[in-house]
Amino acid sequence: MRLTDKVCVITGAASGIGREAALLFASEGGRILAADRDVAGAERVVSEIRSAGGEAQAFRVDVGNAPEVQAMIAEAERCFGGLQVLFNNAGIFPLDDAGPEETSEEVWDEVMRVNLKGVFLGCKFGLPALVRAGGGSVINTASFVALMGAAAAQIAYTASKGGVLALTREIAAIYARKNIRANALCPGPVDTPLLAELTADPDARARRLVHVPAGRFARTEEVAWAALFLASDESAYVNGTAFMVDGGISTTYITPE
């Protein structure tokens, strides 16, 4: 029960990594505010948690909208009395995010609004709540592409995740003496509905898989386990890291035959 009585706000909780994290954190004693633009999906996750005896509340949020994010944090404090874990996980990856010449300004702006501004707003309003609670953990979902380029062009997504990593490192330094840790979770390709959409073409899927030493994409629960470690007191001296969960992609020159 690594998160007993810890209040956890998780964005993007309706599906993928966020959903797995909400279920896992609740099973470890966490009290969950499952936030997502897809509130019906968040409510389904909450129903699963409650049916297993956990505490959870759904909340509709557009993470790029400041008043909604502020209301999300206020709801966590109102429902559960505080905040100890902030998992800024929500993100998008439009299919028309391509190279710098092909990507429209509209796509660029929306990716930055959700992926980077959304994390900034989560921290802007969440950090004071963590301070009020006496400290806690901030986990911001970046990506392995925050540290290396992607030859399958995705310029807005890659740039947004690099920004998340830089933002996280600065927050880690600023808030360390307030008993708050901040780490960037950097997954490799994860077998989510989003990735399935991006790799619907078998050739596109094979092109990505060829670089994965394990020969498969990560499972959502494998990334959620890493998030649980960062949320728990077991990572009490882990701060400011790019926490890689990429199956070795970033350290491999040639994959096994």
C-alpha atoms as a PDB file:
ATOM      1  CA  MET A   1       0.000   0.000   0.000  1.00  0.00           C
ATOM      2  CA  ARG A   2       2.572   2.535  -1.187  1.00  0.00           C
ATOM      3  CA  LEU A   3       0.104   5.412  -1.523  1.00  0.00           C
ATOM      4  CA  THR A   4      -2.101   4.973   1.537  1.00  0.00           C
ATOM      5  CA  ASP A   5      -4.159   8.139   2.069  1.00  0.00           C
ATOM      6  CA  LYS A   6      -2.230  10.062  -0.593  1.00  0.00           C
ATOM      7  CA  VAL A   7      -4.460  12.224  -2.787  1.00  0.00           C
ATOM      8  CA  CYS A   8      -3.523  11.783  -6.439  1.00  0.00           C
ATOM      9  CA  VAL A   9      -4.632  13.946  -9.352  1.00  0.00           C
ATOM     10  CA  ILE A  10      -4.156  12.149 -12.669  1.00  0.00           C
ATOM     11  CA  THR A  11      -4.892  13.861 -15.979  1.00  0.00           C
ATOM     12  CA  GLY A  12      -5.623  11.850 -19.086  1.00  0.00           C
ATOM     13  CA  ALA A  13      -7.119   9.267 -16.759  1.00  0.00           C
ATOM     14  CA  ALA A  14      -9.812   7.980 -19.110  1.00  0.00           C
ATOM     15  CA  SER A  15      -7.520   5.760 -21.174  1.00  0.00           C
ATOM     16  CA  GLY A  16      -3.997   4.530 -21.789  1.00  0.00           C
ATOM     17  CA  ILE A  17      -1.299   5.215 -19.214  1.00  0.00           C
ATOM     18  CA  GLY A  18      -3.573   7.493 -17.187  1.00  0.00           C
ATOM     19  CA  ARG A  19      -6.235   4.845 -16.803  1.00  0.00           C
ATOM     20  CA  GLU A  20      -3.731   2.187 -15.731  1.00  0.00           C
ATOM     21  CA  ALA A  21      -2.129   4.603 -13.285  1.00  0.00           C
ATOM     22  CA  ALA A  22      -5.483   5.531 -11.738  1.00  0.00           C
ATOM     23  CA  LEU A  23      -6.376   1.884 -11.175  1.00  0.00           C
ATOM     24  CA  LEU A  24      -2.902   1.019  -9.879  1.00  0.00           C
ATOM     25  CA  PHE A  25      -2.578   4.035  -7.595  1.00  0.00           C
ATOM     26  CA  ALA A  26      -6.005   3.284  -6.126  1.00  0.00           C
ATOM     27  CA  SER A  27      -5.040  -0.344  -5.501  1.00  0.00           C
ATOM     28  CA  GLU A  28      -2.053   0.994  -3.533  1.00  0.00           C
ATOM     29  CA  GLY A  29      -4.283   3.086  -1.268  1.00  0.00           C
ATOM     30  CA  GLY A  30      -4.319   6.330  -3.224  1.00  0.00           C
ATOM     31  CA  ARG A  31      -7.387   8.561  -3.330  1.00  0.00           C
ATOM     32  CA  ILE A  32      -7.864   9.427  -6.975  1.00  0.00           C
ATOM     33  CA  LEU A  33      -9.158  12.432  -8.869  1.00  0.00           C
ATOM     34  CA  ALA A  34      -9.434  11.000 -12.386  1.00  0.00           C
ATOM     35  CA  ALA A  35      -9.410  14.001 -14.715  1.00  0.00           C
ATOM     36  CA  ASP A  36      -9.944  13.946 -18.455  1.00  0.00           C
ATOM     37  CA  ARG A  37     -11.662  15.834 -21.250  1.00  0.00           C
ATOM     38  CA  ASP A  38     -13.529  12.540 -21.786  1.00  0.00           C
ATOM     39  CA  VAL A  39     -15.455  12.669 -18.534  1.00  0.00           C
ATOM     40  CA  ALA A  40     -17.524   9.586 -19.416  1.00  0.00           C
ATOM     41  CA  GLY A  41     -14.304   7.601 -19.732  1.00  0.00           C
ATOM     42  CA  ALA A  42     -13.040   9.014 -16.447  1.00  0.00           C
ATOM     43  CA  GLU A  43     -16.292   8.033 -14.767  1.00  0.00           C
ATOM     44  CA  ARG A  44     -15.876   4.450 -15.998  1.00  0.00           C
ATOM     45  CA  VAL A  45     -12.421   4.347 -14.407  1.00  0.00           C
ATOM     46  CA  VAL A  46     -13.857   5.747 -11.177  1.00  0.00           C
ATOM     47  CA  SER A  47     -16.564   3.078 -11.230  1.00  0.00           C
ATOM     48  CA  GLU A  48     -13.889   0.365 -11.497  1.00  0.00           C
ATOM     49  CA  ILE A  49     -11.974   1.861  -8.590  1.00  0.00           C
ATOM     50  CA  ARG A  50     -15.039   2.142  -6.396  1.00  0.00           C
ATOM     51  CA  SER A  51     -16.169  -1.393  -7.206  1.00  0.00           C
ATOM     52  CA  ALA A  52     -12.805  -2.566  -5.856  1.00  0.00           C
ATOM     53  CA  GLY A  53     -13.322  -0.593  -2.655  1.00  0.00           C
ATOM     54  CA  GLY A  54     -11.193   2.428  -3.554  1.00  0.00           C
ATOM     55  CA  GLU A  55     -11.868   6.157  -3.333  1.00  0.00           C
ATOM     56  CA  ALA A  56     -12.123   8.136  -6.552  1.00  0.00           C
ATOM     57  CA  GLN A  57     -13.854  11.064  -8.179  1.00  0.00           C
ATOM     58  CA  ALA A  58     -14.103  11.966 -11.870  1.00  0.00           C
ATOM     59  CA  PHE A  59     -13.532  15.488 -13.152  1.00  0.00           C
ATOM     60  CA  ARG A  60     -13.849  16.955 -16.621  1.00  0.00           C
ATOM     61  CA  VAL A  61     -10.880  19.108 -17.573  1.00  0.00           C
ATOM     62  CA  ASP A  62      -9.277  20.628 -20.628  1.00  0.00           C
ATOM     63  CA  VAL A  63      -5.695  20.819 -19.367  1.00  0.00           C
ATOM     64  CA  GLY A  64      -4.950  23.763 -21.645  1.00  0.00           C
ATOM     65  CA  ASN A  65      -7.661  25.865 -19.995  1.00  0.00           C
ATOM     66  CA  ALA A  66      -6.443  27.685 -16.873  1.00  0.00           C
ATOM     67  CA  PRO A  67      -9.784  28.094 -15.036  1.00  0.00           C
ATOM     68  CA  GLU A  68     -10.595  24.395 -15.564  1.00  0.00           C
ATOM     69  CA  VAL A  69      -7.190  23.265 -14.263  1.00  0.00           C
ATOM     70  CA  GLN A  70      -7.504  25.564 -11.260  1.00  0.00           C
ATOM     71  CA  ALA A  71     -10.936  24.084 -10.594  1.00  0.00           C
ATOM     72  CA  MET A  72      -9.500  20.565 -10.885  1.00  0.00           C
ATOM     73  CA  ILE A  73      -6.979  21.188  -8.122  1.00  0.00           C
ATOM     74  CA  ALA A  74      -9.619  22.869  -5.973  1.00  0.00           C
ATOM     75  CA  GLU A  75     -11.880  19.836  -6.450  1.00  0.00           C
ATOM     76  CA  ALA A  76      -9.139  17.475  -5.250  1.00  0.00           C
ATOM     77  CA  GLU A  77      -8.644  19.530  -2.105  1.00  0.00           C
ATOM     78  CA  ARG A  78     -12.398  19.845  -1.569  1.00  0.00           C
ATOM     79  CA  CYS A  79     -13.107  16.133  -2.036  1.00  0.00           C
ATOM     80  CA  PHE A  80     -10.080  14.654  -0.316  1.00  0.00           C
ATOM     81  CA  GLY A  81      -8.582  17.385   1.836  1.00  0.00           C
ATOM     82  CA  GLY A  82      -5.266  17.926   0.103  1.00  0.00           C
ATOM     83  CA  LEU A  83      -2.906  16.878  -2.653  1.00  0.00           C
ATOM     84  CA  GLN A  84       0.216  14.715  -2.450  1.00  0.00           C
ATOM     85  CA  VAL A  85       0.673  13.393  -6.002  1.00  0.00           C
ATOM     86  CA  LEU A  86       0.206  15.356  -9.221  1.00  0.00           C
ATOM     87  CA  PHE A  87       0.492  13.257 -12.387  1.00  0.00           C
ATOM     88  CA  ASN A  88       0.324  15.579 -15.398  1.00  0.00           C
ATOM     89  CA  ASN A  89      -0.176  12.866 -17.976  1.00  0.00           C
ATOM     90  CA  ALA A  90      -2.667  14.167 -20.549  1.00  0.00           C
ATOM     91  CA  GLY A  91      -1.356  14.651 -24.055  1.00  0.00           C
ATOM     92  CA  ILE A  92      -2.213  14.532 -27.745  1.00  0.00           C
ATOM     93  CA  PHE A  93      -0.460  13.430 -30.937  1.00  0.00           C
ATOM     94  CA  PRO A  94      -2.354  14.571 -34.049  1.00  0.00           C
ATOM     95  CA  LEU A  95      -1.952  12.452 -37.155  1.00  0.00           C
ATOM     96  CA  ASP A  96      -1.065  15.579 -39.140  1.00  0.00           C
ATOM     97  CA  ASP A  97       1.876  16.436 -36.881  1.00  0.00           C
ATOM     98  CA  ALA A  98       4.735  15.917 -39.317  1.00  0.00           C
ATOM     99  CA  GLY A  99       7.924  17.764 -40.267  1.00  0.00           C
ATOM    100  CA  PRO A 100       8.458  21.506 -39.792  1.00  0.00           C
ATOM    101  CA  GLU A 101       7.507  22.278 -43.386  1.00  0.00           C
ATOM    102  CA  GLU A 102       4.328  20.208 -43.401  1.00  0.00           C
ATOM    103  CA  THR A 103       2.965  20.859 -39.898  1.00  0.00           C
ATOM    104  CA  SER A 104       0.441  23.687 -39.764  1.00  0.00           C
ATOM    105  CA  GLU A 105       0.566  26.441 -37.181  1.00  0.00           C
ATOM    106  CA  GLU A 106      -2.840  25.281 -35.931  1.00  0.00           C
ATOM    107  CA  VAL A 107      -1.504  21.778 -35.193  1.00  0.00           C
ATOM    108  CA  TRP A 108       1.644  23.191 -33.588  1.00  0.00           C
ATOM    109  CA  ASP A 109      -0.350  25.552 -31.371  1.00  0.00           C
ATOM    110  CA  GLU A 110      -2.810  22.865 -30.231  1.00  0.00           C
ATOM    111  CA  VAL A 111      -0.068  20.368 -29.391  1.00  0.00           C
ATOM    112  CA  MET A 112       1.770  23.004 -27.376  1.00  0.00           C
ATOM    113  CA  ARG A 113      -1.459  24.083 -25.678  1.00  0.00           C
ATOM    114  CA  VAL A 114      -2.256  20.584 -24.463  1.00  0.00           C
ATOM    115  CA  ASN A 115       1.123  18.879 -24.059  1.00  0.00           C
ATOM    116  CA  LEU A 116       3.226  21.730 -22.706  1.00  0.00           C
ATOM    117  CA  LYS A 117       0.892  24.451 -21.473  1.00  0.00           C
ATOM    118  CA  GLY A 118      -1.252  21.732 -19.893  1.00  0.00           C
ATOM    119  CA  VAL A 119       1.701  20.578 -17.788  1.00  0.00           C
ATOM    120  CA  PHE A 120       2.606  24.184 -16.951  1.00  0.00           C
ATOM    121  CA  LEU A 121      -0.947  24.892 -15.766  1.00  0.00           C
ATOM    122  CA  GLY A 122      -1.076  21.675 -13.763  1.00  0.00           C
ATOM    123  CA  CYS A 123       2.091  22.754 -11.968  1.00  0.00           C
ATOM    124  CA  LYS A 124       1.003  26.392 -11.660  1.00  0.00           C
ATOM    125  CA  PHE A 125      -2.107  25.461  -9.712  1.00  0.00           C
ATOM    126  CA  GLY A 126      -1.004  22.117  -8.287  1.00  0.00           C
ATOM    127  CA  LEU A 127       2.261  23.156  -6.677  1.00  0.00           C
ATOM    128  CA  PRO A 128       0.639  25.515  -4.130  1.00  0.00           C
ATOM    129  CA  ALA A 129      -1.649  22.642  -3.108  1.00  0.00           C
ATOM    130  CA  LEU A 130       1.363  20.359  -2.649  1.00  0.00           C
ATOM    131  CA  VAL A 131       3.033  23.042  -0.543  1.00  0.00           C
ATOM    132  CA  ARG A 132      -0.124  23.333   1.581  1.00  0.00           C
ATOM    133  CA  ALA A 133      -0.061  19.557   2.088  1.00  0.00           C
ATOM    134  CA  GLY A 134       3.551  19.607   3.257  1.00  0.00           C
ATOM    135  CA  GLY A 135       5.099  18.259   0.067  1.00  0.00           C
ATOM    136  CA  GLY A 136       4.665  15.516  -2.461  1.00  0.00           C
ATOM    137  CA  SER A 137       5.507  14.293  -5.935  1.00  0.00           C
ATOM    138  CA  VAL A 138       4.988  15.820  -9.373  1.00  0.00           C
ATOM    139  CA  ILE A 139       5.183  13.427 -12.330  1.00  0.00           C
ATOM    140  CA  ASN A 140       5.065  14.965 -15.786  1.00  0.00           C
ATOM    141  CA  THR A 141       4.711  12.684 -18.784  1.00  0.00           C
ATOM    142  CA  ALA A 142       7.367  13.561 -21.342  1.00  0.00           C
ATOM    143  CA  SER A 143       8.732  10.973 -23.784  1.00  0.00           C
ATOM    144  CA  PHE A 144      11.933   9.315 -24.879  1.00  0.00           C
ATOM    145  CA  VAL A 145      11.842  11.745 -27.819  1.00  0.00           C
ATOM    146  CA  ALA A 146      12.562  14.524 -25.311  1.00  0.00           C
ATOM    147  CA  LEU A 147      16.109  13.172 -25.368  1.00  0.00           C
ATOM    148  CA  MET A 148      16.489  11.938 -28.941  1.00  0.00           C
ATOM    149  CA  GLY A 149      15.065  12.833 -32.328  1.00  0.00           C
ATOM    150  CA  ALA A 150      12.375  10.879 -34.147  1.00  0.00           C
ATOM    151  CA  ALA A 151      13.053  10.124 -37.811  1.00  0.00           C
ATOM    152  CA  ALA A 152       9.303   9.574 -38.256  1.00  0.00           C
ATOM    153  CA  ALA A 153       8.624  13.317 -38.271  1.00  0.00           C
ATOM    154  CA  GLN A 154       6.465  14.573 -35.387  1.00  0.00           C
ATOM    155  CA  ILE A 155       7.937  17.996 -34.822  1.00  0.00           C
ATOM    156  CA  ALA A 156       5.291  19.512 -32.557  1.00  0.00           C
ATOM    157  CA  TYR A 157       4.991  16.449 -30.309  1.00  0.00           C
ATOM    158  CA  THR A 158       8.769  16.069 -29.972  1.00  0.00           C
ATOM    159  CA  ALA A 159       9.255  19.769 -29.206  1.00  0.00           C
ATOM    160  CA  SER A 160       6.432  19.757 -26.660  1.00  0.00           C
ATOM    161  CA  LYS A 161       7.921  16.812 -24.798  1.00  0.00           C
ATOM    162  CA  GLY A 162      11.355  18.428 -24.766  1.00  0.00           C
ATOM    163  CA  GLY A 163       9.690  21.419 -23.153  1.00  0.00           C
ATOM    164  CA  VAL A 164       8.047  19.201 -20.536  1.00  0.00           C
ATOM    165  CA  LEU A 165      11.435  17.767 -19.597  1.00  0.00           C
ATOM    166  CA  ALA A 166      13.060  21.214 -19.281  1.00  0.00           C
ATOM    167  CA  LEU A 167      10.112  22.558 -17.279  1.00  0.00           C
ATOM    168  CA  THR A 168      10.263  19.570 -14.937  1.00  0.00           C
ATOM    169  CA  ARG A 169      13.963  19.983 -14.216  1.00  0.00           C
ATOM    170  CA  GLU A 170      13.489  23.620 -13.271  1.00  0.00           C
ATOM    171  CA  ILE A 171      10.540  22.865 -10.997  1.00  0.00           C
ATOM    172  CA  ALA A 172      12.604  20.132  -9.336  1.00  0.00           C
ATOM    173  CA  ALA A 173      15.307  22.641  -8.485  1.00  0.00           C
ATOM    174  CA  ILE A 174      12.962  25.399  -7.339  1.00  0.00           C
ATOM    175  CA  TYR A 175      10.763  23.271  -5.074  1.00  0.00           C
ATOM    176  CA  ALA A 176      13.213  20.718  -3.653  1.00  0.00           C
ATOM    177  CA  ARG A 177      13.499  22.497  -0.306  1.00  0.00           C
ATOM    178  CA  LYS A 178       9.733  22.561   0.002  1.00  0.00           C
ATOM    179  CA  ASN A 179       9.688  18.752   0.149  1.00  0.00           C
ATOM    180  CA  ILE A 180       8.409  18.487  -3.430  1.00  0.00           C
ATOM    181  CA  ARG A 181       9.986  16.270  -6.059  1.00  0.00           C
ATOM    182  CA  ALA A 182       9.386  16.631  -9.785  1.00  0.00           C
ATOM    183  CA  ASN A 183      10.329  14.015 -12.366  1.00  0.00           C
ATOM    184  CA  ALA A 184       9.665  13.569 -16.060  1.00  0.00           C
ATOM    185  CA  LEU A 185       8.363  10.137 -16.996  1.00  0.00           C
ATOM    186  CA  CYS A 186       9.817   9.344 -20.426  1.00  0.00           C
ATOM    187  CA  PRO A 187       8.152   6.296 -22.008  1.00  0.00           C
ATOM    188  CA  GLY A 188       9.139   4.748 -25.284  1.00  0.00           C
ATOM    189  CA  PRO A 189       6.341   3.711 -27.648  1.00  0.00           C
ATOM    190  CA  VAL A 190       3.444   2.376 -25.566  1.00  0.00           C
ATOM    191  CA  ASP A 191       0.716   0.073 -26.854  1.00  0.00           C
ATOM    192  CA  THR A 192      -2.163   2.519 -26.442  1.00  0.00           C
ATOM    193  CA  PRO A 193      -5.134   3.366 -28.690  1.00  0.00           C
ATOM    194  CA  LEU A 194      -3.192   6.465 -29.786  1.00  0.00           C
ATOM    195  CA  LEU A 195      -0.195   4.435 -30.947  1.00  0.00           C
ATOM    196  CA  ALA A 196      -2.486   1.888 -32.613  1.00  0.00           C
ATOM    197  CA  GLU A 197      -3.959   4.731 -34.660  1.00  0.00           C
ATOM    198  CA  LEU A 198      -0.524   6.019 -35.592  1.00  0.00           C
ATOM    199  CA  THR A 199       0.711   2.567 -36.602  1.00  0.00           C
ATOM    200  CA  ALA A 200      -2.397   1.235 -38.325  1.00  0.00           C
ATOM    201  CA  ASP A 201      -0.263   0.852 -41.451  1.00  0.00           C
ATOM    202  CA  PRO A 202       1.803  -2.365 -40.965  1.00  0.00           C
ATOM    203  CA  ASP A 203       4.842  -0.705 -42.536  1.00  0.00           C
ATOM    204  CA  ALA A 204       4.607   2.214 -40.106  1.00  0.00           C
ATOM    205  CA  ARG A 205       4.349  -0.214 -37.193  1.00  0.00           C
ATOM    206  CA  ALA A 206       7.317  -2.254 -38.396  1.00  0.00           C
ATOM    207  CA  ARG A 207       9.384   0.898 -38.852  1.00  0.00           C
ATOM    208  CA  ARG A 208       8.936   1.769 -35.185  1.00  0.00           C
ATOM    209  CA  LEU A 209       9.258  -1.757 -33.830  1.00  0.00           C
ATOM    210  CA  VAL A 210      12.575  -2.401 -35.550  1.00  0.00           C
ATOM    211  CA  HIS A 211      14.259  -0.039 -33.079  1.00  0.00           C
ATOM    212  CA  VAL A 212      12.870  -1.730 -29.966  1.00  0.00           C
ATOM    213  CA  PRO A 213      15.312  -4.300 -28.538  1.00  0.00           C
ATOM    214  CA  ALA A 214      12.485  -6.261 -26.913  1.00  0.00           C
ATOM    215  CA  GLY A 215      10.630  -6.501 -30.217  1.00  0.00           C
ATOM    216  CA  ARG A 216       7.390  -5.145 -28.745  1.00  0.00           C
ATOM    217  CA  PHE A 217       5.914  -1.898 -27.508  1.00  0.00           C
ATOM    218  CA  ALA A 218       5.554  -1.202 -23.793  1.00  0.00           C
ATOM    219  CA  ARG A 219       2.340  -2.175 -22.070  1.00  0.00           C
ATOM    220  CA  THR A 220       0.467   0.618 -20.327  1.00  0.00           C
ATOM    221  CA  GLU A 221       0.770  -1.106 -16.969  1.00  0.00           C
ATOM    222  CA  GLU A 222       4.564  -1.179 -17.296  1.00  0.00           C
ATOM    223  CA  VAL A 223       4.636   2.605 -17.536  1.00  0.00           C
ATOM    224  CA  ALA A 224       2.102   2.907 -14.700  1.00  0.00           C
ATOM    225  CA  TRP A 225       4.409   0.863 -12.453  1.00  0.00           C
ATOM    226  CA  ALA A 226       7.189   3.379 -13.093  1.00  0.00           C
ATOM    227  CA  ALA A 227       4.802   6.229 -12.282  1.00  0.00           C
ATOM    228  CA  LEU A 228       3.859   4.457  -9.045  1.00  0.00           C
ATOM    229  CA  PHE A 229       7.514   4.348  -8.018  1.00  0.00           C
ATOM    230  CA  LEU A 230       7.870   8.076  -8.663  1.00  0.00           C
ATOM    231  CA  ALA A 231       4.661   8.786  -6.753  1.00  0.00           C
ATOM    232  CA  SER A 232       5.647   6.723  -3.727  1.00  0.00           C
ATOM    233  CA  ASP A 233       8.040   7.423  -0.878  1.00  0.00           C
ATOM    234  CA  GLU A 234      10.329   4.734  -2.311  1.00  0.00           C
ATOM    235  CA  SER A 235      11.621   7.422  -4.702  1.00  0.00           C
ATOM    236  CA  ALA A 236      12.099   9.998  -1.942  1.00  0.00           C
ATOM    237  CA  TYR A 237      15.539  11.049  -3.237  1.00  0.00           C
ATOM    238  CA  VAL A 238      14.691  10.885  -6.944  1.00  0.00           C
ATOM    239  CA  ASN A 239      14.283  14.426  -8.228  1.00  0.00           C
ATOM    240  CA  GLY A 240      14.690  16.190 -11.561  1.00  0.00           C
ATOM    241  CA  THR A 241      15.204  13.029 -13.576  1.00  0.00           C
ATOM    242  CA  ALA A 242      14.265  11.989 -17.070  1.00  0.00           C
ATOM    243  CA  PHE A 243      12.917   8.634 -15.909  1.00  0.00           C
ATOM    244  CA  MET A 244      13.277   6.441 -18.989  1.00  0.00           C
ATOM    245  CA  VAL A 245      10.872   3.550 -19.539  1.00  0.00           C
ATOM    246  CA  ASP A 246      11.794   2.793 -23.129  1.00  0.00           C
ATOM    247  CA  GLY A 247      12.933  -0.834 -23.152  1.00  0.00           C
ATOM    248  CA  GLY A 248      16.465   0.234 -24.039  1.00  0.00           C
ATOM    249  CA  ILE A 249      15.687   2.144 -27.251  1.00  0.00           C
ATOM    250  CA  SER A 250      17.693   5.202 -26.251  1.00  0.00           C
ATOM    251  CA  THR A 251      20.814   3.180 -25.421  1.00  0.00           C
ATOM    252  CA  THR A 252      20.830   0.825 -28.391  1.00  0.00           C
ATOM    253  CA  TYR A 253      22.721   1.290 -31.646  1.00  0.00           C
ATOM    254  CA  ILE A 254      21.797  -1.957 -33.405  1.00  0.00           C
ATOM    255  CA  THR A 255      18.865  -4.097 -32.339  1.00  0.00           C
ATOM    256  CA  PRO A 256      19.197  -7.882 -31.911  1.00  0.00           C
ATOM    257  CA  GLU A 257      18.610 -10.085 -34.922  1.00  0.00           C
END
